């Protein structure tokens, strides 16, 4: 009897999978939008992919995916192929595919209300009017997932052309530094959790 129970326990141990953490960078797909302020999340995921040696070459209907390891953790990097306003479709797809819950997901996005060069990690919260987060909240039915905002600053005039425009040569150094810092914060989230990342990067 004991050997039978032990055998079942050992079989369960062999089939248990290491938890997966998912990092989703928000942006708009296609060369038209490459390098724009609204694609800061994409840029951060590209930095993480470079650090980890992960190729985002798994092309699915909703997203580009890349699997690998970073900070000692098994991760999936995601760049939605949907447009920003329907980002929730890609996030829901990745969560279902890898069978993860919202607490195992980090969303990286641009933020008009943060000064250029600042980053801010939060464990949960509202959308702040960001259409990508609005879509994710609706698709997931919760706001309880980590998000990492990259400041792009708010213009004096209208915002649509601003967010869909590229960083100016004067802004570029601060933008690059912020994206690298955001990647550092994402690695801290992977290794130590959201509270550690908030304490050390906000």
N, C-alpha and C. Protein backbone atom coordinates (compact mmCIF):
# COMPACT_ATOMS: atom_id res chain seq x y z
N UNK A 1 0.83 -1.20 0.00
CA UNK A 1 0.00 0.00 0.00
C UNK A 1 0.87 1.26 0.00
N UNK A 2 1.90 1.23 0.90
CA UNK A 2 2.75 2.41 0.97
C UNK A 2 3.50 2.63 -0.33
N UNK A 3 3.96 1.51 -0.94
CA UNK A 3 4.70 1.66 -2.19
C UNK A 3 3.81 2.23 -3.28
N UNK A 4 2.52 1.85 -3.26
CA UNK A 4 1.61 2.40 -4.25
C UNK A 4 1.41 3.89 -4.08
N UNK A 5 1.25 4.36 -2.84
CA UNK A 5 1.10 5.79 -2.57
C UNK A 5 2.37 6.53 -2.94
N UNK A 6 3.52 5.95 -2.60
CA UNK A 6 4.79 6.58 -2.92
C UNK A 6 4.97 6.70 -4.42
N UNK A 7 4.56 5.66 -5.15
CA UNK A 7 4.68 5.69 -6.61
C UNK A 7 3.84 6.80 -7.21
N UNK A 8 2.61 6.96 -6.68
CA UNK A 8 1.74 8.02 -7.21
C UNK A 8 2.32 9.39 -6.91
N UNK A 9 2.88 9.54 -5.69
CA UNK A 9 3.48 10.82 -5.31
C UNK A 9 4.65 11.16 -6.23
N UNK A 10 5.51 10.15 -6.48
CA UNK A 10 6.68 10.39 -7.33
C UNK A 10 6.26 10.73 -8.75
N UNK A 11 5.19 10.09 -9.24
CA UNK A 11 4.73 10.41 -10.60
C UNK A 11 4.21 11.85 -10.66
N UNK A 12 3.49 12.27 -9.63
CA UNK A 12 3.00 13.65 -9.61
C UNK A 12 4.17 14.62 -9.60
N UNK A 13 5.21 14.31 -8.82
CA UNK A 13 6.37 15.20 -8.74
C UNK A 13 7.07 15.35 -10.08
N UNK A 14 7.14 14.25 -10.84
CA UNK A 14 7.81 14.30 -12.15
C UNK A 14 7.03 15.13 -13.15
N UNK A 15 5.71 15.15 -13.02
CA UNK A 15 4.91 15.84 -14.04
C UNK A 15 4.60 17.29 -13.66
N UNK A 16 4.94 17.72 -12.42
CA UNK A 16 4.69 19.09 -12.02
C UNK A 16 5.55 20.02 -12.85
N UNK A 17 4.94 21.06 -13.40
CA UNK A 17 5.67 22.00 -14.24
C UNK A 17 6.09 23.21 -13.44
N UNK A 18 7.25 23.73 -13.80
CA UNK A 18 7.71 24.97 -13.19
C UNK A 18 6.75 26.10 -13.55
N UNK A 19 6.41 26.96 -12.60
CA UNK A 19 5.50 28.07 -12.91
C UNK A 19 6.05 28.97 -14.02
N UNK A 20 5.18 29.46 -14.85
CA UNK A 20 5.54 30.36 -15.94
C UNK A 20 5.10 31.77 -15.59
N UNK A 21 5.95 32.75 -15.86
CA UNK A 21 5.60 34.15 -15.71
C UNK A 21 5.55 34.77 -17.10
N UNK A 22 4.57 35.63 -17.31
CA UNK A 22 4.31 36.21 -18.64
C UNK A 22 4.50 37.72 -18.58
N UNK A 23 5.32 38.24 -19.49
CA UNK A 23 5.51 39.69 -19.61
C UNK A 23 4.99 40.12 -20.98
N UNK A 24 4.03 41.03 -20.96
CA UNK A 24 3.40 41.53 -22.18
C UNK A 24 3.76 42.99 -22.37
N UNK A 25 4.39 43.32 -23.48
CA UNK A 25 4.65 44.71 -23.83
C UNK A 25 3.55 45.20 -24.77
N UNK A 26 2.93 46.32 -24.42
CA UNK A 26 1.85 46.84 -25.27
C UNK A 26 2.39 47.75 -26.36
N UNK A 27 1.69 47.74 -27.49
CA UNK A 27 2.05 48.58 -28.61
C UNK A 27 1.16 48.27 -29.80
N UNK A 28 1.45 48.93 -30.90
CA UNK A 28 0.74 48.68 -32.16
C UNK A 28 1.68 47.94 -33.11
N UNK A 29 1.18 46.90 -33.79
CA UNK A 29 2.06 46.12 -34.67
C UNK A 29 2.33 46.83 -36.00
N UNK A 30 3.40 46.40 -36.65
CA UNK A 30 3.69 46.87 -37.99
C UNK A 30 4.73 47.97 -38.03
N UNK A 31 5.43 48.10 -39.17
CA UNK A 31 6.52 49.07 -39.30
C UNK A 31 6.06 50.52 -39.17
N UNK A 32 4.80 50.80 -39.48
CA UNK A 32 4.28 52.17 -39.37
C UNK A 32 4.41 52.71 -37.95
N UNK A 33 4.30 51.83 -36.96
CA UNK A 33 4.28 52.26 -35.57
C UNK A 33 5.58 51.96 -34.83
N UNK A 34 6.53 51.36 -35.50
CA UNK A 34 7.79 51.00 -34.84
C UNK A 34 8.49 52.26 -34.31
N UNK A 35 8.93 52.21 -33.07
CA UNK A 35 9.67 53.33 -32.50
C UNK A 35 8.82 54.47 -31.99
N UNK A 36 7.49 54.34 -32.04
CA UNK A 36 6.63 55.42 -31.55
C UNK A 36 6.50 55.36 -30.03
N UNK A 37 6.08 56.47 -29.44
CA UNK A 37 5.95 56.53 -27.98
C UNK A 37 4.98 55.49 -27.45
N UNK A 38 3.91 55.24 -28.19
CA UNK A 38 2.88 54.29 -27.76
C UNK A 38 3.42 52.86 -27.74
N UNK A 39 4.58 52.64 -28.36
CA UNK A 39 5.18 51.30 -28.42
C UNK A 39 6.30 51.12 -27.41
N UNK A 40 6.31 51.92 -26.36
CA UNK A 40 7.36 51.78 -25.35
C UNK A 40 7.34 50.39 -24.72
N UNK A 41 6.15 49.81 -24.57
CA UNK A 41 6.06 48.45 -24.03
C UNK A 41 6.74 47.43 -24.93
N UNK A 42 6.53 47.57 -26.25
CA UNK A 42 7.21 46.70 -27.20
C UNK A 42 8.73 46.82 -27.04
N UNK A 43 9.20 48.07 -26.92
CA UNK A 43 10.64 48.31 -26.84
C UNK A 43 11.23 47.65 -25.60
N UNK A 44 10.50 47.72 -24.48
CA UNK A 44 10.98 47.08 -23.25
C UNK A 44 11.08 45.57 -23.42
N UNK A 45 10.08 44.97 -24.03
CA UNK A 45 10.11 43.52 -24.26
C UNK A 45 11.25 43.16 -25.20
N UNK A 46 11.54 44.00 -26.18
CA UNK A 46 12.68 43.75 -27.06
C UNK A 46 14.00 43.75 -26.27
N UNK A 47 14.13 44.67 -25.31
CA UNK A 47 15.33 44.71 -24.48
C UNK A 47 15.44 43.42 -23.66
N UNK A 48 14.33 43.00 -23.05
CA UNK A 48 14.34 41.77 -22.27
C UNK A 48 14.67 40.56 -23.15
N UNK A 49 14.11 40.53 -24.35
CA UNK A 49 14.40 39.43 -25.26
C UNK A 49 15.88 39.37 -25.60
N UNK A 50 16.49 40.54 -25.82
CA UNK A 50 17.91 40.58 -26.10
C UNK A 50 18.75 40.09 -24.93
N UNK A 51 18.37 40.49 -23.73
CA UNK A 51 19.12 40.06 -22.55
C UNK A 51 19.04 38.55 -22.34
N UNK A 52 17.86 37.99 -22.61
CA UNK A 52 17.64 36.57 -22.35
C UNK A 52 17.96 35.69 -23.55
N UNK A 53 18.23 36.29 -24.71
CA UNK A 53 18.46 35.50 -25.91
C UNK A 53 17.20 34.80 -26.39
N UNK A 54 16.07 35.47 -26.22
CA UNK A 54 14.77 34.91 -26.62
C UNK A 54 14.34 35.52 -27.94
N UNK A 55 14.00 34.69 -28.90
CA UNK A 55 13.46 35.16 -30.18
C UNK A 55 11.94 35.12 -30.12
N UNK A 56 11.30 36.24 -30.40
CA UNK A 56 9.84 36.28 -30.43
C UNK A 56 9.37 35.88 -31.83
N UNK A 57 9.60 34.62 -32.15
CA UNK A 57 9.31 34.15 -33.51
C UNK A 57 8.18 33.14 -33.56
N UNK A 58 7.48 32.97 -32.44
CA UNK A 58 6.29 32.11 -32.45
C UNK A 58 5.10 33.01 -32.81
N UNK A 59 4.76 33.02 -34.09
CA UNK A 59 3.76 33.95 -34.60
C UNK A 59 2.38 33.31 -34.53
N UNK A 60 1.56 33.83 -33.64
CA UNK A 60 0.19 33.37 -33.48
C UNK A 60 -0.77 34.44 -33.99
N UNK A 61 -2.03 34.08 -34.05
CA UNK A 61 -3.02 35.04 -34.57
C UNK A 61 -3.06 36.32 -33.73
N UNK A 62 -2.94 36.16 -32.40
CA UNK A 62 -3.10 37.30 -31.51
C UNK A 62 -1.79 37.95 -31.08
N UNK A 63 -0.67 37.23 -31.19
CA UNK A 63 0.57 37.76 -30.62
C UNK A 63 1.80 37.05 -31.15
N UNK A 64 2.94 37.74 -31.03
CA UNK A 64 4.25 37.11 -31.17
C UNK A 64 4.67 36.66 -29.77
N UNK A 65 5.15 35.43 -29.67
CA UNK A 65 5.53 34.85 -28.39
C UNK A 65 6.98 34.38 -28.43
N UNK A 66 7.63 34.43 -27.28
CA UNK A 66 8.97 33.88 -27.15
C UNK A 66 9.14 33.29 -25.77
N UNK A 67 9.65 32.07 -25.68
CA UNK A 67 9.82 31.38 -24.41
C UNK A 67 11.30 31.24 -24.08
N UNK A 68 11.60 31.29 -22.78
CA UNK A 68 12.98 31.12 -22.36
C UNK A 68 13.11 31.28 -20.86
N UNK A 69 14.32 31.66 -20.43
CA UNK A 69 14.58 31.85 -19.01
C UNK A 69 15.26 33.19 -18.79
N UNK A 70 14.89 33.83 -17.70
CA UNK A 70 15.50 35.10 -17.33
C UNK A 70 15.38 35.23 -15.82
N UNK A 71 16.47 35.63 -15.17
CA UNK A 71 16.44 35.77 -13.73
C UNK A 71 16.12 34.48 -13.01
N UNK A 72 16.50 33.36 -13.63
CA UNK A 72 16.25 32.07 -13.02
C UNK A 72 14.81 31.60 -13.12
N UNK A 73 14.00 32.29 -13.91
CA UNK A 73 12.59 31.93 -14.02
C UNK A 73 12.23 31.56 -15.46
N UNK A 74 11.23 30.71 -15.58
CA UNK A 74 10.70 30.36 -16.89
C UNK A 74 9.72 31.46 -17.31
N UNK A 75 9.98 32.07 -18.46
CA UNK A 75 9.16 33.22 -18.87
C UNK A 75 8.66 33.07 -20.30
N UNK A 76 7.60 33.82 -20.56
CA UNK A 76 7.08 34.00 -21.91
C UNK A 76 7.01 35.50 -22.16
N UNK A 77 7.61 35.96 -23.23
CA UNK A 77 7.51 37.35 -23.66
C UNK A 77 6.46 37.44 -24.75
N UNK A 78 5.65 38.50 -24.68
CA UNK A 78 4.51 38.64 -25.59
C UNK A 78 4.47 40.05 -26.18
N UNK A 79 4.32 40.11 -27.51
CA UNK A 79 4.02 41.37 -28.19
C UNK A 79 2.73 41.16 -28.99
N UNK A 80 1.64 41.81 -28.57
CA UNK A 80 0.36 41.60 -29.27
C UNK A 80 0.44 41.96 -30.74
N UNK A 81 -0.26 41.17 -31.54
CA UNK A 81 -0.44 41.49 -32.96
C UNK A 81 -1.75 42.21 -33.18
N UNK A 82 -2.54 42.30 -32.13
CA UNK A 82 -3.75 43.12 -32.16
C UNK A 82 -3.32 44.58 -32.02
N UNK A 83 -4.20 45.51 -32.30
CA UNK A 83 -3.87 46.90 -32.04
C UNK A 83 -4.11 47.22 -30.58
N UNK A 84 -3.57 48.35 -30.14
CA UNK A 84 -3.57 48.70 -28.73
C UNK A 84 -4.96 48.59 -28.10
N UNK A 85 -5.97 49.07 -28.80
CA UNK A 85 -7.32 49.13 -28.22
C UNK A 85 -7.94 47.77 -27.97
N UNK A 86 -7.36 46.70 -28.53
CA UNK A 86 -7.87 45.35 -28.28
C UNK A 86 -6.75 44.44 -27.74
N UNK A 87 -5.87 45.03 -26.93
CA UNK A 87 -4.76 44.28 -26.34
C UNK A 87 -5.24 43.12 -25.48
N UNK A 88 -6.43 43.25 -24.91
CA UNK A 88 -6.95 42.20 -24.05
C UNK A 88 -7.05 40.85 -24.73
N UNK A 89 -7.32 40.87 -26.03
CA UNK A 89 -7.42 39.61 -26.78
C UNK A 89 -6.11 38.84 -26.74
N UNK A 90 -5.00 39.56 -26.92
CA UNK A 90 -3.68 38.91 -26.91
C UNK A 90 -3.30 38.44 -25.51
N UNK A 91 -3.61 39.25 -24.49
CA UNK A 91 -3.27 38.87 -23.12
C UNK A 91 -4.08 37.65 -22.71
N UNK A 92 -5.35 37.63 -23.02
CA UNK A 92 -6.19 36.48 -22.69
C UNK A 92 -5.69 35.23 -23.40
N UNK A 93 -5.29 35.39 -24.65
CA UNK A 93 -4.77 34.25 -25.41
C UNK A 93 -3.53 33.67 -24.73
N UNK A 94 -2.57 34.54 -24.36
CA UNK A 94 -1.33 34.07 -23.73
C UNK A 94 -1.62 33.40 -22.40
N UNK A 95 -2.52 33.97 -21.62
CA UNK A 95 -2.85 33.38 -20.32
C UNK A 95 -3.48 32.00 -20.48
N UNK A 96 -4.37 31.86 -21.45
CA UNK A 96 -5.01 30.56 -21.68
C UNK A 96 -4.01 29.55 -22.22
N UNK A 97 -3.16 29.99 -23.12
CA UNK A 97 -2.19 29.08 -23.73
C UNK A 97 -1.22 28.51 -22.69
N UNK A 98 -0.78 29.36 -21.78
CA UNK A 98 0.21 28.92 -20.80
C UNK A 98 -0.40 28.62 -19.43
N UNK A 99 -1.72 28.70 -19.36
CA UNK A 99 -2.46 28.33 -18.15
C UNK A 99 -1.95 29.08 -16.92
N UNK A 100 -1.88 30.40 -17.05
CA UNK A 100 -1.45 31.22 -15.93
C UNK A 100 -2.59 32.13 -15.48
N UNK A 101 -2.50 32.55 -14.24
CA UNK A 101 -3.47 33.47 -13.67
C UNK A 101 -2.94 34.90 -13.76
N UNK A 102 -3.80 35.84 -13.46
CA UNK A 102 -3.43 37.25 -13.60
C UNK A 102 -2.23 37.64 -12.75
N UNK A 103 -2.06 37.00 -11.58
CA UNK A 103 -0.93 37.36 -10.72
C UNK A 103 0.41 36.92 -11.29
N UNK A 104 0.40 36.14 -12.37
CA UNK A 104 1.64 35.72 -13.02
C UNK A 104 1.93 36.54 -14.27
N UNK A 105 1.21 37.65 -14.45
CA UNK A 105 1.34 38.47 -15.66
C UNK A 105 1.82 39.88 -15.29
N UNK A 106 2.75 40.40 -16.08
CA UNK A 106 3.18 41.79 -15.99
C UNK A 106 2.91 42.47 -17.33
N UNK A 107 2.20 43.59 -17.29
CA UNK A 107 1.92 44.38 -18.49
C UNK A 107 2.83 45.60 -18.49
N UNK A 108 3.53 45.84 -19.60
CA UNK A 108 4.43 46.99 -19.73
C UNK A 108 3.83 47.93 -20.77
N UNK A 109 3.72 49.21 -20.40
CA UNK A 109 3.01 50.16 -21.28
C UNK A 109 3.57 51.56 -21.13
N UNK A 110 3.20 52.43 -22.06
CA UNK A 110 3.55 53.85 -22.00
C UNK A 110 2.56 54.59 -21.11
N UNK A 111 2.99 55.75 -20.58
CA UNK A 111 2.12 56.53 -19.71
C UNK A 111 2.33 58.02 -19.96
N UNK A 112 1.26 58.67 -20.41
CA UNK A 112 1.30 60.12 -20.66
C UNK A 112 1.49 60.93 -19.39
N UNK A 113 1.00 60.41 -18.26
CA UNK A 113 0.99 61.19 -17.02
C UNK A 113 2.25 61.03 -16.19
N UNK A 114 3.20 60.24 -16.68
CA UNK A 114 4.51 60.15 -16.04
C UNK A 114 5.51 60.95 -16.87
N UNK A 115 6.35 61.73 -16.22
CA UNK A 115 7.37 62.47 -16.98
C UNK A 115 8.26 61.53 -17.77
N UNK A 116 8.74 62.01 -18.89
CA UNK A 116 9.66 61.23 -19.71
C UNK A 116 10.85 60.81 -18.85
N UNK A 117 11.16 59.51 -18.91
CA UNK A 117 12.29 58.99 -18.17
C UNK A 117 11.92 58.29 -16.88
N UNK A 118 10.69 58.48 -16.38
CA UNK A 118 10.27 57.83 -15.14
C UNK A 118 9.61 56.48 -15.44
N UNK A 119 9.71 55.55 -14.50
CA UNK A 119 8.97 54.30 -14.59
C UNK A 119 8.23 54.09 -13.28
N UNK A 120 7.13 53.34 -13.33
CA UNK A 120 6.34 53.09 -12.12
C UNK A 120 5.71 51.71 -12.19
N UNK A 121 5.98 50.91 -11.18
CA UNK A 121 5.40 49.57 -11.05
C UNK A 121 4.22 49.64 -10.09
N UNK A 122 3.13 48.93 -10.42
CA UNK A 122 1.98 48.82 -9.54
C UNK A 122 1.50 47.37 -9.55
N UNK A 123 0.97 46.93 -8.40
CA UNK A 123 0.47 45.56 -8.29
C UNK A 123 -0.90 45.40 -8.91
N UNK A 124 -1.66 46.49 -9.00
CA UNK A 124 -3.01 46.46 -9.56
C UNK A 124 -3.46 47.90 -9.73
N UNK A 125 -4.73 48.09 -10.10
CA UNK A 125 -5.24 49.46 -10.21
C UNK A 125 -6.04 49.68 -11.47
N UNK A 126 -6.51 50.91 -11.62
CA UNK A 126 -7.32 51.26 -12.77
C UNK A 126 -6.49 51.47 -14.02
N UNK A 127 -7.18 51.83 -15.09
CA UNK A 127 -6.51 51.98 -16.38
C UNK A 127 -5.86 53.34 -16.56
N UNK A 128 -6.29 54.33 -15.78
CA UNK A 128 -5.78 55.68 -16.00
C UNK A 128 -6.13 56.23 -17.37
N UNK A 129 -7.18 55.67 -17.98
CA UNK A 129 -7.60 56.11 -19.31
C UNK A 129 -6.83 55.47 -20.44
N UNK A 130 -5.92 54.55 -20.14
CA UNK A 130 -5.12 53.91 -21.20
C UNK A 130 -5.97 52.85 -21.89
N UNK A 131 -6.12 52.97 -23.20
CA UNK A 131 -7.01 52.06 -23.93
C UNK A 131 -6.54 50.61 -23.89
N UNK A 132 -5.24 50.40 -23.85
CA UNK A 132 -4.74 49.03 -23.75
C UNK A 132 -5.16 48.38 -22.45
N UNK A 133 -5.04 49.12 -21.34
CA UNK A 133 -5.45 48.57 -20.05
C UNK A 133 -6.97 48.42 -19.98
N UNK A 134 -7.71 49.35 -20.57
CA UNK A 134 -9.17 49.19 -20.61
C UNK A 134 -9.55 47.87 -21.26
N UNK A 135 -8.90 47.54 -22.36
CA UNK A 135 -9.19 46.30 -23.08
C UNK A 135 -8.80 45.09 -22.24
N UNK A 136 -7.65 45.15 -21.57
CA UNK A 136 -7.20 44.03 -20.75
C UNK A 136 -8.13 43.82 -19.57
N UNK A 137 -8.53 44.90 -18.91
CA UNK A 137 -9.45 44.78 -17.78
C UNK A 137 -10.74 44.10 -18.20
N UNK A 138 -11.25 44.48 -19.38
CA UNK A 138 -12.50 43.88 -19.86
C UNK A 138 -12.31 42.40 -20.20
N UNK A 139 -11.18 42.06 -20.81
CA UNK A 139 -10.94 40.68 -21.23
C UNK A 139 -10.69 39.75 -20.05
N UNK A 140 -10.04 40.28 -19.01
CA UNK A 140 -9.69 39.45 -17.86
C UNK A 140 -10.75 39.48 -16.78
N UNK A 141 -11.57 40.53 -16.78
CA UNK A 141 -12.56 40.68 -15.72
C UNK A 141 -11.94 41.03 -14.38
N UNK A 142 -10.75 41.58 -14.39
CA UNK A 142 -10.06 41.97 -13.16
C UNK A 142 -9.03 43.05 -13.47
N UNK A 143 -8.68 43.82 -12.44
CA UNK A 143 -7.58 44.78 -12.53
C UNK A 143 -6.39 44.33 -11.69
N UNK A 144 -6.48 43.12 -11.16
CA UNK A 144 -5.47 42.62 -10.23
C UNK A 144 -4.34 41.90 -10.96
N UNK A 145 -3.56 42.66 -11.68
CA UNK A 145 -2.35 42.15 -12.34
C UNK A 145 -1.33 43.29 -12.30
N UNK A 146 -0.06 42.93 -12.30
CA UNK A 146 1.00 43.93 -12.22
C UNK A 146 1.11 44.69 -13.53
N UNK A 147 1.41 45.98 -13.41
CA UNK A 147 1.65 46.79 -14.60
C UNK A 147 2.84 47.70 -14.36
N UNK A 148 3.62 47.89 -15.39
CA UNK A 148 4.83 48.69 -15.35
C UNK A 148 4.70 49.80 -16.39
N UNK A 149 4.59 51.02 -15.90
CA UNK A 149 4.37 52.17 -16.78
C UNK A 149 5.70 52.87 -17.09
N UNK A 150 5.86 53.24 -18.34
CA UNK A 150 7.05 53.97 -18.80
C UNK A 150 6.60 55.38 -19.19
N UNK A 151 7.14 56.38 -18.52
CA UNK A 151 6.71 57.74 -18.78
C UNK A 151 7.13 58.25 -20.14
N UNK A 152 6.17 58.85 -20.83
CA UNK A 152 6.48 59.49 -22.12
C UNK A 152 6.18 60.99 -22.07
N UNK A 153 5.63 61.46 -20.94
CA UNK A 153 5.31 62.89 -20.82
C UNK A 153 4.06 63.26 -21.59
N UNK A 154 3.41 64.31 -21.16
CA UNK A 154 2.18 64.78 -21.81
C UNK A 154 2.46 66.05 -22.60
N UNK A 155 2.00 66.12 -23.85
CA UNK A 155 2.24 67.31 -24.66
C UNK A 155 1.29 68.45 -24.27
N UNK A 156 1.59 69.62 -24.75
CA UNK A 156 0.71 70.77 -24.52
C UNK A 156 -0.59 70.65 -25.30
N UNK A 157 -0.51 70.10 -26.51
CA UNK A 157 -1.68 70.03 -27.38
C UNK A 157 -2.32 68.65 -27.39
N UNK A 158 -2.81 68.25 -28.57
CA UNK A 158 -3.52 66.97 -28.69
C UNK A 158 -2.56 65.80 -28.51
N UNK A 159 -3.13 64.68 -28.04
CA UNK A 159 -2.28 63.57 -27.64
C UNK A 159 -2.16 62.45 -28.68
N UNK A 160 -3.14 62.32 -29.58
CA UNK A 160 -3.12 61.18 -30.49
C UNK A 160 -1.88 61.20 -31.37
N UNK A 161 -1.64 62.32 -32.02
CA UNK A 161 -0.45 62.42 -32.87
C UNK A 161 0.83 62.29 -32.06
N UNK A 162 0.78 62.76 -30.82
CA UNK A 162 1.97 62.69 -29.96
C UNK A 162 2.32 61.25 -29.63
N UNK A 163 1.35 60.47 -29.15
CA UNK A 163 1.67 59.09 -28.75
C UNK A 163 2.03 58.23 -29.96
N UNK A 164 1.48 58.58 -31.13
CA UNK A 164 1.78 57.81 -32.33
C UNK A 164 3.00 58.35 -33.09
N UNK A 165 3.67 59.31 -32.48
CA UNK A 165 4.90 59.85 -33.07
C UNK A 165 6.12 59.28 -32.40
N UNK A 166 7.26 59.43 -33.05
CA UNK A 166 8.53 58.92 -32.52
C UNK A 166 9.11 59.89 -31.50
N UNK A 167 9.94 59.37 -30.61
CA UNK A 167 10.67 60.23 -29.69
C UNK A 167 11.58 61.16 -30.50
N UNK A 168 11.65 62.41 -30.09
CA UNK A 168 12.52 63.37 -30.77
C UNK A 168 13.98 63.06 -30.44
N UNK A 169 14.92 63.58 -31.23
CA UNK A 169 16.34 63.36 -30.91
C UNK A 169 16.70 63.84 -29.51
N UNK A 170 16.04 64.91 -29.04
CA UNK A 170 16.32 65.41 -27.70
C UNK A 170 15.76 64.46 -26.63
N UNK A 171 14.65 63.81 -26.93
CA UNK A 171 14.02 62.88 -25.97
C UNK A 171 14.68 61.51 -25.95
N UNK A 172 15.30 61.14 -27.05
CA UNK A 172 15.76 59.76 -27.23
C UNK A 172 16.65 59.25 -26.09
N UNK A 173 17.65 60.01 -25.61
CA UNK A 173 18.48 59.47 -24.53
C UNK A 173 17.69 59.14 -23.26
N UNK A 174 16.78 60.04 -22.88
CA UNK A 174 15.96 59.78 -21.69
C UNK A 174 15.01 58.61 -21.91
N UNK A 175 14.45 58.51 -23.13
CA UNK A 175 13.55 57.40 -23.44
C UNK A 175 14.28 56.07 -23.38
N UNK A 176 15.47 56.01 -23.96
CA UNK A 176 16.24 54.77 -23.95
C UNK A 176 16.61 54.37 -22.52
N UNK A 177 16.98 55.35 -21.71
CA UNK A 177 17.33 55.05 -20.32
C UNK A 177 16.12 54.53 -19.56
N UNK A 178 14.94 55.13 -19.81
CA UNK A 178 13.73 54.69 -19.13
C UNK A 178 13.34 53.28 -19.54
N UNK A 179 13.49 52.96 -20.81
CA UNK A 179 13.14 51.62 -21.28
C UNK A 179 14.09 50.58 -20.68
N UNK A 180 15.38 50.92 -20.58
CA UNK A 180 16.34 50.02 -19.95
C UNK A 180 16.02 49.85 -18.46
N UNK A 181 15.64 50.96 -17.79
CA UNK A 181 15.28 50.87 -16.37
C UNK A 181 14.01 50.03 -16.20
N UNK A 182 13.07 50.18 -17.12
CA UNK A 182 11.85 49.37 -17.06
C UNK A 182 12.19 47.88 -17.20
N UNK A 183 13.13 47.57 -18.08
CA UNK A 183 13.56 46.17 -18.23
C UNK A 183 14.20 45.67 -16.93
N UNK A 184 14.98 46.54 -16.26
CA UNK A 184 15.55 46.16 -14.96
C UNK A 184 14.44 45.89 -13.95
N UNK A 185 13.40 46.74 -13.96
CA UNK A 185 12.28 46.57 -13.03
C UNK A 185 11.53 45.27 -13.32
N UNK A 186 11.38 44.95 -14.60
CA UNK A 186 10.71 43.70 -14.97
C UNK A 186 11.52 42.49 -14.47
N UNK A 187 12.84 42.57 -14.58
CA UNK A 187 13.68 41.48 -14.07
C UNK A 187 13.56 41.37 -12.55
N UNK A 188 13.45 42.52 -11.87
CA UNK A 188 13.26 42.49 -10.42
C UNK A 188 11.92 41.83 -10.06
N UNK A 189 10.89 42.12 -10.84
CA UNK A 189 9.58 41.48 -10.64
C UNK A 189 9.70 39.97 -10.81
N UNK A 190 10.43 39.55 -11.83
CA UNK A 190 10.62 38.12 -12.05
C UNK A 190 11.32 37.45 -10.87
N UNK A 191 12.38 38.07 -10.40
CA UNK A 191 13.22 37.44 -9.39
C UNK A 191 12.67 37.57 -7.97
N UNK A 192 12.02 38.72 -7.67
CA UNK A 192 11.70 39.02 -6.28
C UNK A 192 10.23 39.39 -6.04
N UNK A 193 9.46 39.58 -7.09
CA UNK A 193 8.05 39.91 -6.91
C UNK A 193 7.76 41.39 -7.03
N UNK A 194 6.47 41.72 -7.05
CA UNK A 194 6.03 43.07 -7.36
C UNK A 194 6.39 44.06 -6.26
N UNK A 195 6.30 43.67 -4.99
CA UNK A 195 6.59 44.61 -3.91
C UNK A 195 8.05 45.04 -3.93
N UNK A 196 8.94 44.10 -4.18
CA UNK A 196 10.36 44.44 -4.29
C UNK A 196 10.59 45.41 -5.45
N UNK A 197 9.98 45.12 -6.59
CA UNK A 197 10.16 45.99 -7.75
C UNK A 197 9.61 47.39 -7.48
N UNK A 198 8.47 47.48 -6.80
CA UNK A 198 7.91 48.78 -6.46
C UNK A 198 8.84 49.56 -5.55
N UNK A 199 9.38 48.89 -4.54
CA UNK A 199 10.24 49.56 -3.56
C UNK A 199 11.53 50.05 -4.18
N UNK A 200 12.01 49.38 -5.20
CA UNK A 200 13.34 49.70 -5.74
C UNK A 200 13.34 50.47 -7.04
N UNK A 201 12.18 50.59 -7.70
CA UNK A 201 12.18 51.25 -9.01
C UNK A 201 11.18 52.39 -9.14
N UNK A 202 10.24 52.54 -8.22
CA UNK A 202 9.27 53.64 -8.33
C UNK A 202 9.89 54.95 -7.89
